[in-house]
C-alpha cells in the first residue's frame, strides 16, 4: 500500500495512474479472453496420442456445448443436458474409448428411451443400456451423485465407450 501512495501524492500522478488503469484493464481482459478462446479451440481439436489417434479432455462446470466430431458423428448430446466431464480418446482406426459425465433434469428412463432409438441395443436394464453403432460399443448408465458435483439435484449418467478389444476381453472373462 505504501507504493500506491506515491500515485496519490499529487494530481498529475493520480491522472497518470488512472490513465494506466483505464488503458491496462481492457488490455488485460482482452488478453484473458483471447487465451481462453485459444485454449477452448485447441481442446476441441484434441491432442495426439501414442495410439495414432487423438485424446479429448474437457472439465467444464458450465457444460460442454458440443461433442468433438468423432463422438458427435456416433451419438448426439441428450437434449436439455449438460456434459461436465469428457475424457475420450481415439486410436488409428478411430475407435473411441473413454467416458462422458452428463447431467439432466429428466429421469434415466427418458435418457435410455432416447438413446435406444439411436443405436442397436445389446443389453438393457433399468439403470444401464449397452449399445452398438457402426462397430462401436458404448454403455449408458446411472451414476451416483457426489457433494462436489458441479450440478446438484439432477440425474447424473455416464456414457462409456469401449473398443472392440475391450468388449472381446470382457466377453471371454471368467473369474
Protein backbone atom coordinates (compact mmCIF):
# COMPACT_ATOMS: atom_id res chain seq x y z
CA UNK A 1 0.00 0.00 0.00
CA UNK A 2 2.91 2.31 0.64
CA UNK A 3 3.87 2.08 -3.04
CA UNK A 4 0.38 3.15 -4.18
CA UNK A 5 0.53 6.27 -2.01
CA UNK A 6 3.14 7.54 -4.47
CA UNK A 7 0.39 7.86 -7.13
CA UNK A 8 -1.98 9.68 -4.80
CA UNK A 9 0.54 12.31 -3.64
CA UNK A 10 -0.44 14.86 -6.34
CA UNK A 11 -2.94 15.35 -9.18
CA UNK A 12 -0.54 14.64 -12.05
CA UNK A 13 0.49 11.29 -10.61
CA UNK A 14 -3.16 10.40 -9.90
CA UNK A 15 -4.12 11.23 -13.52
CA UNK A 16 -1.24 9.07 -14.76
CA UNK A 17 -2.33 6.19 -12.53
CA UNK A 18 -5.95 6.43 -13.68
CA UNK A 19 -4.87 6.52 -17.36
CA UNK A 20 -2.79 3.38 -16.81
CA UNK A 21 -5.75 1.61 -15.21
CA UNK A 22 -8.17 2.72 -17.94
CA UNK A 23 -5.82 1.53 -20.68
CA UNK A 24 -4.43 -1.53 -18.90
CA UNK A 25 -7.63 -3.16 -17.63
CA UNK A 26 -9.28 -3.57 -21.07
CA UNK A 27 -6.00 -4.92 -22.42
CA UNK A 28 -5.83 -7.48 -19.59
CA UNK A 29 -9.45 -8.53 -20.17
CA UNK A 30 -8.86 -8.79 -23.92
CA UNK A 31 -5.73 -10.90 -23.38
CA UNK A 32 -7.59 -13.19 -20.95
CA UNK A 33 -10.45 -13.62 -23.42
CA UNK A 34 -8.02 -14.37 -26.27
CA UNK A 35 -6.14 -17.00 -24.25
CA UNK A 36 -9.40 -18.63 -23.11
CA UNK A 37 -10.76 -18.74 -26.68
CA UNK A 38 -7.50 -20.21 -27.97
CA UNK A 39 -7.44 -22.89 -25.26
CA UNK A 40 -11.08 -23.83 -25.97
CA UNK A 41 -10.47 -24.17 -29.70
CA UNK A 42 -7.34 -26.23 -29.10
CA UNK A 43 -9.18 -28.51 -26.65
CA UNK A 44 -11.88 -29.12 -29.28
CA UNK A 45 -9.20 -30.31 -31.72
CA UNK A 46 -7.77 -32.66 -29.10
CA UNK A 47 -4.15 -33.73 -28.68
CA UNK A 48 -2.34 -36.51 -30.49
CA UNK A 49 -1.82 -39.74 -28.54
CA UNK A 50 0.51 -42.76 -28.77
CA UNK A 51 -2.24 -44.96 -30.29
CA UNK A 52 -2.25 -42.99 -33.54
CA UNK A 53 -5.41 -41.12 -32.56
CA UNK A 54 -6.49 -38.12 -30.56
CA UNK A 55 -7.26 -37.51 -26.87
CA UNK A 56 -10.17 -35.23 -26.00
CA UNK A 57 -10.44 -33.93 -22.45
CA UNK A 58 -12.81 -31.32 -21.02
CA UNK A 59 -13.85 -30.49 -17.49
CA UNK A 60 -16.42 -27.70 -17.56
CA UNK A 61 -18.76 -26.88 -14.70
CA UNK A 62 -20.90 -24.84 -17.12
CA UNK A 63 -21.37 -27.76 -19.51
CA UNK A 64 -19.81 -28.72 -22.82
CA UNK A 65 -21.68 -27.19 -25.74
CA UNK A 66 -20.91 -29.81 -28.42
CA UNK A 67 -19.14 -33.15 -28.53
CA UNK A 68 -15.95 -33.50 -30.54
CA UNK A 69 -16.52 -34.63 -34.12
CA UNK A 70 -15.83 -38.40 -33.67
CA UNK A 71 -18.34 -38.56 -30.79
CA UNK A 72 -20.87 -36.26 -32.43
CA UNK A 73 -20.93 -38.48 -35.52
CA UNK A 74 -21.72 -41.50 -33.37
CA UNK A 75 -24.27 -40.16 -30.87
CA UNK A 76 -25.99 -36.83 -30.25
CA UNK A 77 -25.97 -34.93 -26.99
CA UNK A 78 -29.03 -35.66 -24.91
CA UNK A 79 -31.46 -32.69 -25.19
CA UNK A 80 -31.66 -30.39 -22.19
CA UNK A 81 -28.47 -31.83 -20.67
CA UNK A 82 -25.04 -30.63 -19.61
CA UNK A 83 -21.88 -32.67 -20.07
CA UNK A 84 -19.44 -31.53 -17.40
CA UNK A 85 -16.66 -34.06 -17.97
CA UNK A 86 -15.37 -35.68 -21.14
CA UNK A 87 -12.30 -37.89 -21.41
CA UNK A 88 -12.34 -39.83 -24.67
CA UNK A 89 -9.55 -40.95 -26.97
CA UNK A 90 -9.46 -42.43 -30.44
CA UNK A 91 -6.99 -44.87 -31.94
CA UNK A 92 -5.69 -45.12 -35.52
CA UNK A 93 -8.94 -46.89 -36.52
CA UNK A 94 -10.99 -44.04 -34.98
CA UNK A 95 -12.40 -46.36 -32.28
CA UNK A 96 -13.47 -44.47 -29.18
CA UNK A 97 -12.54 -45.30 -25.61
CA UNK A 98 -13.34 -43.26 -22.53
CA UNK A 99 -16.30 -41.64 -20.82
CA UNK A 100 -18.58 -38.61 -20.61
CA UNK A 101 -20.45 -37.49 -17.48
CA UNK A 102 -23.82 -35.85 -18.17
CA UNK A 103 -26.48 -34.17 -16.03
CA UNK A 104 -30.15 -33.77 -16.97
CA UNK A 105 -33.36 -32.87 -15.16
CA UNK A 106 -35.06 -35.86 -16.88
CA UNK A 107 -35.36 -39.34 -15.41
CA UNK A 108 -32.89 -42.00 -16.58
CA UNK A 109 -35.74 -43.92 -18.22
CA UNK A 110 -36.21 -41.00 -20.66
CA UNK A 111 -32.47 -40.93 -21.37
CA UNK A 112 -32.46 -44.67 -22.09
CA UNK A 113 -35.53 -44.35 -24.35
CA UNK A 114 -33.82 -41.53 -26.29
CA UNK A 115 -30.58 -43.42 -26.91
CA UNK A 116 -32.34 -46.74 -27.69
CA UNK A 117 -33.61 -45.12 -30.88
CA UNK A 118 -30.10 -44.04 -31.92
CA UNK A 119 -28.29 -47.42 -31.99
CA UNK A 120 -28.63 -51.20 -31.79
CA UNK A 121 -29.45 -52.41 -28.25
CA UNK A 122 -27.08 -55.12 -26.95
CA UNK A 123 -28.21 -55.29 -23.33
CA UNK A 124 -30.71 -53.31 -21.26
CA UNK A 125 -31.69 -52.97 -17.62
CA UNK A 126 -33.43 -50.26 -15.57
CA UNK A 127 -30.24 -48.25 -15.00
CA UNK A 128 -27.91 -49.44 -17.80
CA UNK A 129 -28.09 -49.60 -21.59
CA UNK A 130 -25.42 -51.19 -23.78
CA UNK A 131 -25.50 -50.13 -27.42
CA UNK A 132 -23.58 -50.67 -30.64
CA UNK A 133 -23.41 -48.37 -33.63
CA UNK A 134 -21.04 -48.50 -36.60
CA UNK A 135 -19.00 -51.20 -34.83
CA UNK A 136 -18.53 -49.01 -31.74
CA UNK A 137 -19.74 -50.24 -28.34
CA UNK A 138 -20.94 -47.78 -25.71
CA UNK A 139 -22.79 -48.06 -22.41
CA UNK A 140 -25.11 -45.52 -20.82
CA UNK A 141 -25.52 -45.96 -17.10
CA UNK A 142 -26.71 -44.16 -13.98
CA UNK A 143 -24.00 -42.56 -11.88
CA UNK A 144 -24.02 -41.69 -8.19
CA UNK A 145 -24.26 -38.01 -7.30
CA UNK A 146 -21.48 -36.60 -5.11
CA UNK A 147 -21.16 -33.47 -2.96
CA UNK A 148 -18.52 -31.99 -5.27
CA UNK A 149 -20.60 -32.41 -8.46
CA UNK A 150 -20.95 -29.09 -10.32
CA UNK A 151 -24.71 -29.64 -10.82
CA UNK A 152 -26.99 -30.62 -7.97
CA UNK A 153 -30.44 -32.22 -7.94
CA UNK A 154 -30.38 -33.68 -11.45
CA UNK A 155 -29.98 -37.16 -12.90
CA UNK A 156 -26.34 -37.96 -13.46
CA UNK A 157 -25.40 -40.53 -16.08
CA UNK A 158 -22.27 -41.68 -17.85
CA UNK A 159 -21.64 -42.64 -21.45
CA UNK A 160 -18.72 -45.09 -21.60
CA UNK A 161 -17.10 -46.01 -24.92
CA UNK A 162 -15.35 -49.37 -25.28
CA UNK A 163 -13.07 -50.56 -28.08
CA UNK A 164 -13.66 -53.92 -29.77
CA UNK A 165 -10.66 -55.35 -27.91
CA UNK A 166 -12.14 -54.33 -24.53
CA UNK A 167 -15.53 -55.81 -25.43
CA UNK A 168 -13.92 -59.11 -26.51
CA UNK A 169 -11.83 -59.21 -23.34
CA UNK A 170 -14.93 -58.93 -21.13
CA UNK A 171 -16.92 -61.41 -23.22
CA UNK A 172 -14.26 -64.05 -22.60
CA UNK A 173 -13.58 -63.08 -18.98
CA UNK A 174 -14.02 -65.88 -16.46
CA UNK A 175 -13.24 -65.06 -12.83
